[in-house]
ModelCIF file with pLDDT and N, C-alpha, C, O atoms, coordinates in Angstrom:
data_MODEL
#
_entry.id   MODEL 
#
_entity.id                         1 
_entity.type                       polymer 
_entity.pdbx_number_of_molecules   1 
#
_entity_poly.entity_id                      1 
_entity_poly.type                           'polypeptide(L)' 
_entity_poly.nstd_linkage                   no 
_entity_poly.nstd_monomer                   no 
_entity_poly.pdbx_seq_one_letter_code       EQVNRAIRAVWASPFLEKSIFWRAMAVSSP 
_entity_poly.pdbx_seq_one_letter_code_can   EQVNRAIRAVWASPFLEKSIFWRAMAVSSP 
_entity_poly.pdbx_strand_id                 A 
#
loop_
_entity_poly_seq.entity_id 
_entity_poly_seq.num 
_entity_poly_seq.mon_id 
_entity_poly_seq.hetero 
1 1  GLU n 
1 2  GLN n 
1 3  VAL n 
1 4  ASN n 
1 5  ARG n 
1 6  ALA n 
1 7  ILE n 
1 8  ARG n 
1 9  ALA n 
1 10 VAL n 
1 11 TRP n 
1 12 ALA n 
1 13 SER n 
1 14 PRO n 
1 15 PHE n 
1 16 LEU n 
1 17 GLU n 
1 18 LYS n 
1 19 SER n 
1 20 ILE n 
1 21 PHE n 
1 22 TRP n 
1 23 ARG n 
1 24 ALA n 
1 25 MET n 
1 26 ALA n 
1 27 VAL n 
1 28 SER n 
1 29 SER n 
1 30 PRO n 
#
_struct_asym.id          A 
_struct_asym.entity_id   1 
#
loop_
_ma_qa_metric.id 
_ma_qa_metric.mode 
_ma_qa_metric.name 
_ma_qa_metric.software_group_id 
_ma_qa_metric.type 
1 global pLDDT . pLDDT 
2 local  pLDDT . pLDDT 
#
_ma_qa_metric_global.metric_id      1 
_ma_qa_metric_global.metric_value   81.63 
_ma_qa_metric_global.model_id       1 
_ma_qa_metric_global.ordinal_id     1 
#
loop_
_ma_qa_metric_local.label_asym_id 
_ma_qa_metric_local.label_comp_id 
_ma_qa_metric_local.label_seq_id 
_ma_qa_metric_local.metric_id 
_ma_qa_metric_local.metric_value 
_ma_qa_metric_local.model_id 
_ma_qa_metric_local.ordinal_id 
A GLU 1  2 92.00 1 1  
A GLN 2  2 89.00 1 2  
A VAL 3  2 90.00 1 3  
A ASN 4  2 92.00 1 4  
A ARG 5  2 92.00 1 5  
A ALA 6  2 90.00 1 6  
A ILE 7  2 90.00 1 7  
A ARG 8  2 91.00 1 8  
A ALA 9  2 90.00 1 9  
A VAL 10 2 87.00 1 10 
A TRP 11 2 87.00 1 11 
A ALA 12 2 89.00 1 12 
A SER 13 2 86.00 1 13 
A PRO 14 2 85.00 1 14 
A PHE 15 2 85.00 1 15 
A LEU 16 2 85.00 1 16 
A GLU 17 2 85.00 1 17 
A LYS 18 2 78.00 1 18 
A SER 19 2 79.00 1 19 
A ILE 20 2 79.00 1 20 
A PHE 21 2 78.00 1 21 
A TRP 22 2 72.00 1 22 
A ARG 23 2 73.00 1 23 
A ALA 24 2 76.00 1 24 
A MET 25 2 72.00 1 25 
A ALA 26 2 68.00 1 26 
A VAL 27 2 69.00 1 27 
A SER 28 2 67.00 1 28 
A SER 29 2 66.00 1 29 
A PRO 30 2 67.00 1 30 
#
loop_
_atom_site.group_PDB 
_atom_site.id 
_atom_site.type_symbol 
_atom_site.label_atom_id 
_atom_site.label_alt_id 
_atom_site.label_comp_id 
_atom_site.label_asym_id 
_atom_site.label_entity_id 
_atom_site.label_seq_id 
_atom_site.pdbx_PDB_ins_code 
_atom_site.Cartn_x 
_atom_site.Cartn_y 
_atom_site.Cartn_z 
_atom_site.occupancy 
_atom_site.B_iso_or_equiv 
_atom_site.pdbx_formal_charge 
_atom_site.auth_seq_id 
_atom_site.auth_comp_id 
_atom_site.auth_asym_id 
_atom_site.auth_atom_id 
_atom_site.pdbx_PDB_model_num 
ATOM 1   N N  . GLU A 1 1  ? -3.224  -13.596 -28.914 1.00 92.00 ? 1  GLU A N  1 
ATOM 2   C CA . GLU A 1 1  ? -2.635  -12.295 -28.617 1.00 92.00 ? 1  GLU A CA 1 
ATOM 3   C C  . GLU A 1 1  ? -3.599  -11.396 -27.835 1.00 92.00 ? 1  GLU A C  1 
ATOM 4   O O  . GLU A 1 1  ? -3.177  -10.681 -26.926 1.00 92.00 ? 1  GLU A O  1 
ATOM 5   N N  . GLN A 1 2  ? -4.886  -11.429 -28.181 1.00 89.00 ? 2  GLN A N  1 
ATOM 6   C CA . GLN A 1 2  ? -5.858  -10.599 -27.454 1.00 89.00 ? 2  GLN A CA 1 
ATOM 7   C C  . GLN A 1 2  ? -6.031  -11.088 -26.020 1.00 89.00 ? 2  GLN A C  1 
ATOM 8   O O  . GLN A 1 2  ? -6.142  -10.279 -25.098 1.00 89.00 ? 2  GLN A O  1 
ATOM 9   N N  . VAL A 1 3  ? -6.054  -12.400 -25.826 1.00 90.00 ? 3  VAL A N  1 
ATOM 10  C CA . VAL A 1 3  ? -6.165  -12.959 -24.475 1.00 90.00 ? 3  VAL A CA 1 
ATOM 11  C C  . VAL A 1 3  ? -4.923  -12.587 -23.662 1.00 90.00 ? 3  VAL A C  1 
ATOM 12  O O  . VAL A 1 3  ? -5.045  -12.158 -22.515 1.00 90.00 ? 3  VAL A O  1 
ATOM 13  N N  . ASN A 1 4  ? -3.743  -12.746 -24.237 1.00 92.00 ? 4  ASN A N  1 
ATOM 14  C CA . ASN A 1 4  ? -2.507  -12.405 -23.533 1.00 92.00 ? 4  ASN A CA 1 
ATOM 15  C C  . ASN A 1 4  ? -2.465  -10.922 -23.162 1.00 92.00 ? 4  ASN A C  1 
ATOM 16  O O  . ASN A 1 4  ? -2.057  -10.574 -22.054 1.00 92.00 ? 4  ASN A O  1 
ATOM 17  N N  . ARG A 1 5  ? -2.878  -10.054 -24.071 1.00 92.00 ? 5  ARG A N  1 
ATOM 18  C CA . ARG A 1 5  ? -2.898  -8.609  -23.811 1.00 92.00 ? 5  ARG A CA 1 
ATOM 19  C C  . ARG A 1 5  ? -3.866  -8.290  -22.668 1.00 92.00 ? 5  ARG A C  1 
ATOM 20  O O  . ARG A 1 5  ? -3.557  -7.472  -21.802 1.00 92.00 ? 5  ARG A O  1 
ATOM 21  N N  . ALA A 1 6  ? -5.028  -8.932  -22.666 1.00 90.00 ? 6  ALA A N  1 
ATOM 22  C CA . ALA A 1 6  ? -6.018  -8.694  -21.608 1.00 90.00 ? 6  ALA A CA 1 
ATOM 23  C C  . ALA A 1 6  ? -5.485  -9.154  -20.249 1.00 90.00 ? 6  ALA A C  1 
ATOM 24  O O  . ALA A 1 6  ? -5.637  -8.449  -19.252 1.00 90.00 ? 6  ALA A O  1 
ATOM 25  N N  . ILE A 1 7  ? -4.864  -10.328 -20.208 1.00 90.00 ? 7  ILE A N  1 
ATOM 26  C CA . ILE A 1 7  ? -4.310  -10.842 -18.944 1.00 90.00 ? 7  ILE A CA 1 
ATOM 27  C C  . ILE A 1 7  ? -3.222  -9.909  -18.426 1.00 90.00 ? 7  ILE A C  1 
ATOM 28  O O  . ILE A 1 7  ? -3.185  -9.620  -17.230 1.00 90.00 ? 7  ILE A O  1 
ATOM 29  N N  . ARG A 1 8  ? -2.339  -9.433  -19.295 1.00 91.00 ? 8  ARG A N  1 
ATOM 30  C CA . ARG A 1 8  ? -1.292  -8.492  -18.863 1.00 91.00 ? 8  ARG A CA 1 
ATOM 31  C C  . ARG A 1 8  ? -1.908  -7.212  -18.305 1.00 91.00 ? 8  ARG A C  1 
ATOM 32  O O  . ARG A 1 8  ? -1.432  -6.689  -17.297 1.00 91.00 ? 8  ARG A O  1 
ATOM 33  N N  . ALA A 1 9  ? -2.956  -6.703  -18.943 1.00 90.00 ? 9  ALA A N  1 
ATOM 34  C CA . ALA A 1 9  ? -3.603  -5.474  -18.477 1.00 90.00 ? 9  ALA A CA 1 
ATOM 35  C C  . ALA A 1 9  ? -4.205  -5.673  -17.087 1.00 90.00 ? 9  ALA A C  1 
ATOM 36  O O  . ALA A 1 9  ? -4.092  -4.795  -16.231 1.00 90.00 ? 9  ALA A O  1 
ATOM 37  N N  . VAL A 1 10 ? -4.843  -6.821  -16.859 1.00 87.00 ? 10 VAL A N  1 
ATOM 38  C CA . VAL A 1 10 ? -5.449  -7.098  -15.555 1.00 87.00 ? 10 VAL A CA 1 
ATOM 39  C C  . VAL A 1 10 ? -4.361  -7.222  -14.489 1.00 87.00 ? 10 VAL A C  1 
ATOM 40  O O  . VAL A 1 10 ? -4.489  -6.648  -13.408 1.00 87.00 ? 10 VAL A O  1 
ATOM 41  N N  . TRP A 1 11 ? -3.302  -7.961  -14.781 1.00 87.00 ? 11 TRP A N  1 
ATOM 42  C CA . TRP A 1 11 ? -2.252  -8.170  -13.781 1.00 87.00 ? 11 TRP A CA 1 
ATOM 43  C C  . TRP A 1 11 ? -1.476  -6.900  -13.469 1.00 87.00 ? 11 TRP A C  1 
ATOM 44  O O  . TRP A 1 11 ? -0.942  -6.773  -12.367 1.00 87.00 ? 11 TRP A O  1 
ATOM 45  N N  . ALA A 1 12 ? -1.395  -5.967  -14.390 1.00 89.00 ? 12 ALA A N  1 
ATOM 46  C CA . ALA A 1 12 ? -0.701  -4.694  -14.137 1.00 89.00 ? 12 ALA A CA 1 
ATOM 47  C C  . ALA A 1 12 ? -1.604  -3.676  -13.442 1.00 89.00 ? 12 ALA A C  1 
ATOM 48  O O  . ALA A 1 12 ? -1.109  -2.692  -12.892 1.00 89.00 ? 12 ALA A O  1 
ATOM 49  N N  . SER A 1 13 ? -2.903  -3.895  -13.460 1.00 86.00 ? 13 SER A N  1 
ATOM 50  C CA . SER A 1 13 ? -3.846  -2.879  -12.995 1.00 86.00 ? 13 SER A CA 1 
ATOM 51  C C  . SER A 1 13 ? -3.776  -2.496  -11.512 1.00 86.00 ? 13 SER A C  1 
ATOM 52  O O  . SER A 1 13 ? -4.195  -1.384  -11.188 1.00 86.00 ? 13 SER A O  1 
ATOM 53  N N  . PRO A 1 14 ? -3.276  -3.333  -10.577 1.00 85.00 ? 14 PRO A N  1 
ATOM 54  C CA . PRO A 1 14 ? -3.179  -2.857  -9.190  1.00 85.00 ? 14 PRO A CA 1 
ATOM 55  C C  . PRO A 1 14 ? -2.266  -1.640  -9.038  1.00 85.00 ? 14 PRO A C  1 
ATOM 56  O O  . PRO A 1 14 ? -2.320  -0.945  -8.023  1.00 85.00 ? 14 PRO A O  1 
ATOM 57  N N  . PHE A 1 15 ? -1.438  -1.385  -10.034 1.00 85.00 ? 15 PHE A N  1 
ATOM 58  C CA . PHE A 1 15 ? -0.505  -0.267  -9.965  1.00 85.00 ? 15 PHE A CA 1 
ATOM 59  C C  . PHE A 1 15 ? -1.060  1.000   -10.618 1.00 85.00 ? 15 PHE A C  1 
ATOM 60  O O  . PHE A 1 15 ? -0.385  2.028   -10.650 1.00 85.00 ? 15 PHE A O  1 
ATOM 61  N N  . LEU A 1 16 ? -2.289  0.928   -11.139 1.00 85.00 ? 16 LEU A N  1 
ATOM 62  C CA . LEU A 1 16 ? -2.920  2.111   -11.724 1.00 85.00 ? 16 LEU A CA 1 
ATOM 63  C C  . LEU A 1 16 ? -3.373  3.060   -10.614 1.00 85.00 ? 16 LEU A C  1 
ATOM 64  O O  . LEU A 1 16 ? -3.723  2.624   -9.517  1.00 85.00 ? 16 LEU A O  1 
ATOM 65  N N  . GLU A 1 17 ? -3.362  4.349   -10.906 1.00 85.00 ? 17 GLU A N  1 
ATOM 66  C CA . GLU A 1 17 ? -3.753  5.358   -9.920  1.00 85.00 ? 17 GLU A CA 1 
ATOM 67  C C  . GLU A 1 17 ? -5.158  5.100   -9.369  1.00 85.00 ? 17 GLU A C  1 
ATOM 68  O O  . GLU A 1 17 ? -5.392  5.258   -8.171  1.00 85.00 ? 17 GLU A O  1 
ATOM 69  N N  . LYS A 1 18 ? -6.097  4.703   -10.241 1.00 78.00 ? 18 LYS A N  1 
ATOM 70  C CA . LYS A 1 18 ? -7.476  4.434   -9.813  1.00 78.00 ? 18 LYS A CA 1 
ATOM 71  C C  . LYS A 1 18 ? -7.518  3.328   -8.762  1.00 78.00 ? 18 LYS A C  1 
ATOM 72  O O  . LYS A 1 18 ? -8.214  3.452   -7.754  1.00 78.00 ? 18 LYS A O  1 
ATOM 73  N N  . SER A 1 19 ? -6.780  2.257   -8.994  1.00 79.00 ? 19 SER A N  1 
ATOM 74  C CA . SER A 1 19 ? -6.779  1.132   -8.065  1.00 79.00 ? 19 SER A CA 1 
ATOM 75  C C  . SER A 1 19 ? -6.151  1.528   -6.725  1.00 79.00 ? 19 SER A C  1 
ATOM 76  O O  . SER A 1 19 ? -6.672  1.185   -5.664  1.00 79.00 ? 19 SER A O  1 
ATOM 77  N N  . ILE A 1 20 ? -5.048  2.240   -6.782  1.00 79.00 ? 20 ILE A N  1 
ATOM 78  C CA . ILE A 1 20 ? -4.373  2.679   -5.552  1.00 79.00 ? 20 ILE A CA 1 
ATOM 79  C C  . ILE A 1 20 ? -5.290  3.613   -4.760  1.00 79.00 ? 20 ILE A C  1 
ATOM 80  O O  . ILE A 1 20 ? -5.385  3.495   -3.539  1.00 79.00 ? 20 ILE A O  1 
ATOM 81  N N  . PHE A 1 21 ? -5.964  4.536   -5.444  1.00 78.00 ? 21 PHE A N  1 
ATOM 82  C CA . PHE A 1 21 ? -6.884  5.466   -4.791  1.00 78.00 ? 21 PHE A CA 1 
ATOM 83  C C  . PHE A 1 21 ? -7.993  4.718   -4.060  1.00 78.00 ? 21 PHE A C  1 
ATOM 84  O O  . PHE A 1 21 ? -8.244  4.990   -2.886  1.00 78.00 ? 21 PHE A O  1 
ATOM 85  N N  . TRP A 1 22 ? -8.668  3.768   -4.738  1.00 72.00 ? 22 TRP A N  1 
ATOM 86  C CA . TRP A 1 22 ? -9.785  3.062   -4.117  1.00 72.00 ? 22 TRP A CA 1 
ATOM 87  C C  . TRP A 1 22 ? -9.322  2.190   -2.952  1.00 72.00 ? 22 TRP A C  1 
ATOM 88  O O  . TRP A 1 22 ? -10.029 2.075   -1.952  1.00 72.00 ? 22 TRP A O  1 
ATOM 89  N N  . ARG A 1 23 ? -8.152  1.580   -3.066  1.00 73.00 ? 23 ARG A N  1 
ATOM 90  C CA . ARG A 1 23 ? -7.638  0.795   -1.932  1.00 73.00 ? 23 ARG A CA 1 
ATOM 91  C C  . ARG A 1 23 ? -7.333  1.706   -0.757  1.00 73.00 ? 23 ARG A C  1 
ATOM 92  O O  . ARG A 1 23 ? -7.609  1.344   0.387   1.00 73.00 ? 23 ARG A O  1 
ATOM 93  N N  . ALA A 1 24 ? -6.765  2.892   -1.016  1.00 76.00 ? 24 ALA A N  1 
ATOM 94  C CA . ALA A 1 24 ? -6.452  3.839   0.057   1.00 76.00 ? 24 ALA A CA 1 
ATOM 95  C C  . ALA A 1 24 ? -7.724  4.275   0.778   1.00 76.00 ? 24 ALA A C  1 
ATOM 96  O O  . ALA A 1 24 ? -7.713  4.481   1.991   1.00 76.00 ? 24 ALA A O  1 
ATOM 97  N N  . MET A 1 25 ? -8.821  4.416   0.032   1.00 72.00 ? 25 MET A N  1 
ATOM 98  C CA . MET A 1 25 ? -10.094 4.805   0.638   1.00 72.00 ? 25 MET A CA 1 
ATOM 99  C C  . MET A 1 25 ? -10.645 3.687   1.525   1.00 72.00 ? 25 MET A C  1 
ATOM 100 O O  . MET A 1 25 ? -11.375 3.959   2.479   1.00 72.00 ? 25 MET A O  1 
ATOM 101 N N  . ALA A 1 26 ? -10.306 2.448   1.223   1.00 68.00 ? 26 ALA A N  1 
ATOM 102 C CA . ALA A 1 26 ? -10.897 1.302   1.911   1.00 68.00 ? 26 ALA A CA 1 
ATOM 103 C C  . ALA A 1 26 ? -10.127 0.866   3.149   1.00 68.00 ? 26 ALA A C  1 
ATOM 104 O O  . ALA A 1 26 ? -10.676 0.166   4.000   1.00 68.00 ? 26 ALA A O  1 
ATOM 105 N N  . VAL A 1 27 ? -8.875  1.262   3.263   1.00 69.00 ? 27 VAL A N  1 
ATOM 106 C CA . VAL A 1 27 ? -8.061  0.822   4.403   1.00 69.00 ? 27 VAL A CA 1 
ATOM 107 C C  . VAL A 1 27 ? -7.559  2.021   5.183   1.00 69.00 ? 27 VAL A C  1 
ATOM 108 O O  . VAL A 1 27 ? -7.344  3.096   4.623   1.00 69.00 ? 27 VAL A O  1 
ATOM 109 N N  . SER A 1 28 ? -7.373  1.829   6.472   1.00 67.00 ? 28 SER A N  1 
ATOM 110 C CA . SER A 1 28 ? -6.852  2.915   7.309   1.00 67.00 ? 28 SER A CA 1 
ATOM 111 C C  . SER A 1 28 ? -5.420  2.586   7.699   1.00 67.00 ? 28 SER A C  1 
ATOM 112 O O  . SER A 1 28 ? -5.115  2.360   8.870   1.00 67.00 ? 28 SER A O  1 
ATOM 113 N N  . SER A 1 29 ? -4.557  2.564   6.709   1.00 66.00 ? 29 SER A N  1 
ATOM 114 C CA . SER A 1 29 ? -3.160  2.218   6.911   1.00 66.00 ? 29 SER A CA 1 
ATOM 115 C C  . SER A 1 29 ? -2.296  3.238   6.179   1.00 66.00 ? 29 SER A C  1 
ATOM 116 O O  . SER A 1 29 ? -2.686  3.714   5.112   1.00 66.00 ? 29 SER A O  1 
ATOM 117 N N  . PRO A 1 30 ? -1.140  3.582   6.723   1.00 67.00 ? 30 PRO A N  1 
ATOM 118 C CA . PRO A 1 30 ? -0.281  4.550   6.025   1.00 67.00 ? 30 PRO A CA 1 
ATOM 119 C C  . PRO A 1 30 ? 0.269   4.012   4.702   1.00 67.00 ? 30 PRO A C  1 
ATOM 120 O O  . PRO A 1 30 ? 1.005   4.714   4.008   1.00 67.00 ? 30 PRO A O  1 
#
């Protein structure tokens, strides 16, 4: 259960505000 919870958290993380912010800083695309 702990492994499954960790994997779900990692796979959902590209949609977190922090991840979106850092990607926006790294690319020059609308």
